Structures are given as C-alpha cells and as structure tokens.
Amino acid sequence: MGVVISLEERRRVQKGRIGTEDDQVASPAFVAAFEPIFEALELVETIPLPKTARARELLLRGLEVMLEMEKRRLRQCAR
C-alpha cells in the first residue's frame, strides 16, 4: 500500500509557501476537478477491500489522463 497524504496538511504547507509561476496551474477547472478526486483517492486508500482497490486503480488512471491533458494544454498555451 502507498503512502497516504493528508490534504489538510498539504493545504497548510501550501498556504505558507509563495508559489512561482511554474507552480501555478493555469486552469481553475483543472483544480476544481483535481481536489475531489484526491479526496476520493484518500478515502479508498484507507479502506483495504477488493472493490476499493479497483476504485483506486480507476482513480489513478483518471488522474493520469487528466495530468496528460493538462500538460498538453499548458504546452499549447506556452507557444
């Protein structure tokens, strides 16, 4: 099983940090979709059942697709 990251702890760390341009995500819609997905991932990682393992796999696959799409979009915006 992987390491569970507390979103609340991560948010506290982020509040105290001044972000650079590279740290900022250009799309508010991406951020709005990303946070609930990570909350769901946090939930399924805390319940070790076969169905939650499948849910975790699907969430990770969806995150991978979202990240690839966002990377492509950012590359297009940079041109």
N, C-alpha and C. Protein backbone atom coordinates (compact mmCIF):
# COMPACT_ATOMS: atom_id res chain seq x y z
N MET A 1 0.84 -1.17 0.00
CA MET A 1 0.00 0.00 0.00
C MET A 1 0.89 1.24 0.00
N GLY A 2 0.45 2.29 -0.66
CA GLY A 2 1.22 3.52 -0.78
C GLY A 2 1.11 4.40 0.45
N VAL A 3 1.77 5.52 0.37
CA VAL A 3 1.77 6.50 1.44
C VAL A 3 0.51 7.35 1.32
N VAL A 4 -0.19 7.53 2.43
CA VAL A 4 -1.39 8.36 2.43
C VAL A 4 -0.98 9.79 2.75
N ILE A 5 -1.40 10.72 1.91
CA ILE A 5 -1.07 12.12 2.08
C ILE A 5 -2.30 12.84 2.60
N SER A 6 -2.15 13.58 3.68
CA SER A 6 -3.26 14.35 4.22
C SER A 6 -3.44 15.62 3.41
N LEU A 7 -4.62 15.80 2.84
CA LEU A 7 -4.89 17.01 2.06
C LEU A 7 -4.86 18.25 2.95
N GLU A 8 -5.36 18.12 4.17
CA GLU A 8 -5.36 19.27 5.08
C GLU A 8 -3.93 19.71 5.40
N GLU A 9 -3.06 18.74 5.64
CA GLU A 9 -1.66 19.06 5.92
C GLU A 9 -1.01 19.72 4.70
N ARG A 10 -1.29 19.18 3.54
CA ARG A 10 -0.73 19.72 2.29
C ARG A 10 -1.21 21.15 2.07
N ARG A 11 -2.49 21.40 2.34
CA ARG A 11 -3.03 22.76 2.18
C ARG A 11 -2.37 23.73 3.15
N ARG A 12 -2.12 23.28 4.39
CA ARG A 12 -1.45 24.16 5.37
C ARG A 12 -0.05 24.52 4.88
N VAL A 13 0.65 23.54 4.34
CA VAL A 13 2.01 23.78 3.82
C VAL A 13 1.94 24.76 2.65
N GLN A 14 0.98 24.56 1.75
CA GLN A 14 0.85 25.41 0.57
C GLN A 14 0.52 26.86 0.94
N LYS A 15 -0.29 27.07 1.98
CA LYS A 15 -0.67 28.43 2.38
C LYS A 15 0.55 29.25 2.79
N GLY A 16 1.52 28.59 3.43
CA GLY A 16 2.71 29.28 3.90
C GLY A 16 3.78 29.46 2.84
N ARG A 17 3.55 28.96 1.65
CA ARG A 17 4.57 28.97 0.59
C ARG A 17 4.19 29.95 -0.50
N ILE A 18 5.15 30.73 -0.94
CA ILE A 18 4.93 31.64 -2.06
C ILE A 18 5.22 30.87 -3.33
N GLY A 19 4.23 30.77 -4.20
CA GLY A 19 4.39 29.99 -5.41
C GLY A 19 5.10 30.76 -6.51
N THR A 20 5.78 30.03 -7.34
CA THR A 20 6.39 30.62 -8.52
C THR A 20 5.44 30.44 -9.68
N GLU A 21 5.77 31.01 -10.81
CA GLU A 21 4.92 30.87 -11.99
C GLU A 21 4.79 29.40 -12.39
N ASP A 22 5.86 28.63 -12.23
CA ASP A 22 5.83 27.22 -12.60
C ASP A 22 4.91 26.40 -11.71
N ASP A 23 4.71 26.86 -10.45
CA ASP A 23 3.87 26.13 -9.50
C ASP A 23 2.38 26.34 -9.76
N GLN A 24 2.02 27.38 -10.47
CA GLN A 24 0.62 27.72 -10.64
C GLN A 24 -0.01 26.91 -11.78
N VAL A 25 -1.23 26.47 -11.54
CA VAL A 25 -1.98 25.76 -12.56
C VAL A 25 -2.84 26.81 -13.26
N ALA A 26 -2.78 26.84 -14.57
CA ALA A 26 -3.46 27.88 -15.32
C ALA A 26 -4.97 27.69 -15.36
N SER A 27 -5.46 26.48 -15.19
CA SER A 27 -6.87 26.20 -15.36
C SER A 27 -7.59 26.00 -14.02
N PRO A 28 -8.49 26.92 -13.64
CA PRO A 28 -9.25 26.73 -12.40
C PRO A 28 -10.14 25.48 -12.47
N ALA A 29 -10.62 25.12 -13.65
CA ALA A 29 -11.45 23.93 -13.81
C ALA A 29 -10.64 22.67 -13.47
N PHE A 30 -9.36 22.66 -13.82
CA PHE A 30 -8.49 21.54 -13.51
C PHE A 30 -8.36 21.38 -11.99
N VAL A 31 -8.13 22.50 -11.30
CA VAL A 31 -8.00 22.47 -9.84
C VAL A 31 -9.31 22.02 -9.21
N ALA A 32 -10.43 22.54 -9.71
CA ALA A 32 -11.74 22.18 -9.17
C ALA A 32 -12.02 20.69 -9.31
N ALA A 33 -11.56 20.07 -10.39
CA ALA A 33 -11.76 18.64 -10.59
C ALA A 33 -10.74 17.81 -9.82
N PHE A 34 -9.55 18.33 -9.69
CA PHE A 34 -8.44 17.59 -9.08
C PHE A 34 -8.66 17.35 -7.59
N GLU A 35 -9.11 18.37 -6.85
CA GLU A 35 -9.24 18.25 -5.40
C GLU A 35 -10.22 17.15 -4.97
N PRO A 36 -11.44 17.08 -5.53
CA PRO A 36 -12.34 15.99 -5.10
C PRO A 36 -11.82 14.60 -5.49
N ILE A 37 -11.09 14.53 -6.58
CA ILE A 37 -10.53 13.23 -6.98
C ILE A 37 -9.49 12.79 -5.95
N PHE A 38 -8.66 13.71 -5.48
CA PHE A 38 -7.68 13.35 -4.47
C PHE A 38 -8.35 13.00 -3.15
N GLU A 39 -9.45 13.68 -2.82
CA GLU A 39 -10.18 13.32 -1.60
C GLU A 39 -10.74 11.90 -1.72
N ALA A 40 -11.28 11.56 -2.88
CA ALA A 40 -11.79 10.21 -3.11
C ALA A 40 -10.66 9.18 -3.02
N LEU A 41 -9.52 9.52 -3.59
CA LEU A 41 -8.36 8.63 -3.54
C LEU A 41 -7.93 8.40 -2.10
N GLU A 42 -7.94 9.46 -1.31
CA GLU A 42 -7.58 9.34 0.10
C GLU A 42 -8.54 8.39 0.82
N LEU A 43 -9.82 8.47 0.50
CA LEU A 43 -10.81 7.59 1.13
C LEU A 43 -10.61 6.13 0.74
N VAL A 44 -10.42 5.85 -0.54
CA VAL A 44 -10.29 4.45 -0.96
C VAL A 44 -8.98 3.84 -0.50
N GLU A 45 -7.98 4.66 -0.24
CA GLU A 45 -6.71 4.10 0.25
C GLU A 45 -6.80 3.72 1.72
N THR A 46 -7.78 4.26 2.45
CA THR A 46 -7.89 3.94 3.87
C THR A 46 -8.75 2.71 4.14
N ILE A 47 -9.47 2.23 3.11
CA ILE A 47 -10.36 1.07 3.27
C ILE A 47 -9.83 -0.07 2.40
N PRO A 48 -9.11 -1.03 2.99
CA PRO A 48 -8.49 -2.11 2.21
C PRO A 48 -9.46 -3.24 1.83
N LEU A 49 -10.28 -3.01 0.82
CA LEU A 49 -11.20 -4.03 0.31
C LEU A 49 -10.94 -4.23 -1.18
N PRO A 50 -11.32 -5.37 -1.74
CA PRO A 50 -11.10 -5.59 -3.18
C PRO A 50 -11.76 -4.53 -4.06
N LYS A 51 -12.98 -4.11 -3.70
CA LYS A 51 -13.66 -3.11 -4.52
C LYS A 51 -12.98 -1.74 -4.42
N THR A 52 -12.47 -1.42 -3.25
CA THR A 52 -11.78 -0.13 -3.13
C THR A 52 -10.44 -0.16 -3.84
N ALA A 53 -9.83 -1.33 -3.94
CA ALA A 53 -8.58 -1.45 -4.70
C ALA A 53 -8.85 -1.15 -6.17
N ARG A 54 -9.96 -1.66 -6.68
CA ARG A 54 -10.34 -1.38 -8.08
C ARG A 54 -10.67 0.10 -8.26
N ALA A 55 -11.36 0.68 -7.28
CA ALA A 55 -11.69 2.11 -7.34
C ALA A 55 -10.41 2.94 -7.35
N ARG A 56 -9.42 2.52 -6.57
CA ARG A 56 -8.14 3.23 -6.54
C ARG A 56 -7.46 3.17 -7.90
N GLU A 57 -7.46 2.00 -8.52
CA GLU A 57 -6.86 1.85 -9.85
C GLU A 57 -7.53 2.78 -10.86
N LEU A 58 -8.87 2.83 -10.81
CA LEU A 58 -9.61 3.69 -11.74
C LEU A 58 -9.34 5.17 -11.48
N LEU A 59 -9.28 5.54 -10.22
CA LEU A 59 -8.96 6.94 -9.89
C LEU A 59 -7.56 7.31 -10.38
N LEU A 60 -6.60 6.43 -10.17
CA LEU A 60 -5.23 6.72 -10.61
C LEU A 60 -5.15 6.81 -12.13
N ARG A 61 -5.88 5.95 -12.82
CA ARG A 61 -5.91 6.01 -14.29
C ARG A 61 -6.53 7.32 -14.76
N GLY A 62 -7.61 7.73 -14.11
CA GLY A 62 -8.26 9.00 -14.44
C GLY A 62 -7.34 10.19 -14.18
N LEU A 63 -6.61 10.14 -13.07
CA LEU A 63 -5.65 11.21 -12.77
C LEU A 63 -4.56 11.28 -13.82
N GLU A 64 -4.10 10.13 -14.25
CA GLU A 64 -3.06 10.09 -15.28
C GLU A 64 -3.54 10.77 -16.56
N VAL A 65 -4.78 10.47 -16.95
CA VAL A 65 -5.35 11.08 -18.16
C VAL A 65 -5.49 12.59 -17.98
N MET A 66 -6.00 13.01 -16.82
CA MET A 66 -6.17 14.44 -16.56
C MET A 66 -4.83 15.18 -16.61
N LEU A 67 -3.81 14.58 -16.00
CA LEU A 67 -2.50 15.23 -15.97
C LEU A 67 -1.90 15.33 -17.37
N GLU A 68 -2.05 14.29 -18.15
CA GLU A 68 -1.54 14.33 -19.53
C GLU A 68 -2.25 15.41 -20.35
N MET A 69 -3.57 15.50 -20.18
CA MET A 69 -4.34 16.53 -20.91
C MET A 69 -3.91 17.93 -20.48
N GLU A 70 -3.70 18.11 -19.19
CA GLU A 70 -3.30 19.43 -18.69
C GLU A 70 -1.89 19.78 -19.18
N LYS A 71 -0.99 18.79 -19.21
CA LYS A 71 0.36 19.05 -19.73
C LYS A 71 0.30 19.48 -21.19
N ARG A 72 -0.51 18.79 -21.98
CA ARG A 72 -0.65 19.17 -23.40
C ARG A 72 -1.23 20.56 -23.54
N ARG A 73 -2.24 20.87 -22.73
CA ARG A 73 -2.87 22.19 -22.79
C ARG A 73 -1.88 23.28 -22.42
N LEU A 74 -1.09 23.04 -21.38
CA LEU A 74 -0.10 24.03 -20.96
C LEU A 74 0.99 24.23 -22.02
N ARG A 75 1.38 23.13 -22.68
CA ARG A 75 2.38 23.27 -23.75
C ARG A 75 1.83 24.11 -24.89
N GLN A 76 0.55 23.91 -25.23
CA GLN A 76 -0.07 24.70 -26.29
C GLN A 76 -0.17 26.17 -25.91
N CYS A 77 -0.47 26.43 -24.64
CA CYS A 77 -0.56 27.84 -24.18
C CYS A 77 0.80 28.52 -24.18
N ALA A 78 1.85 27.74 -23.97
CA ALA A 78 3.20 28.30 -23.90
C ALA A 78 3.73 28.73 -25.26
N ARG A 79 3.13 28.22 -26.32
CA ARG A 79 3.60 28.53 -27.67
C ARG A 79 3.21 29.92 -28.09
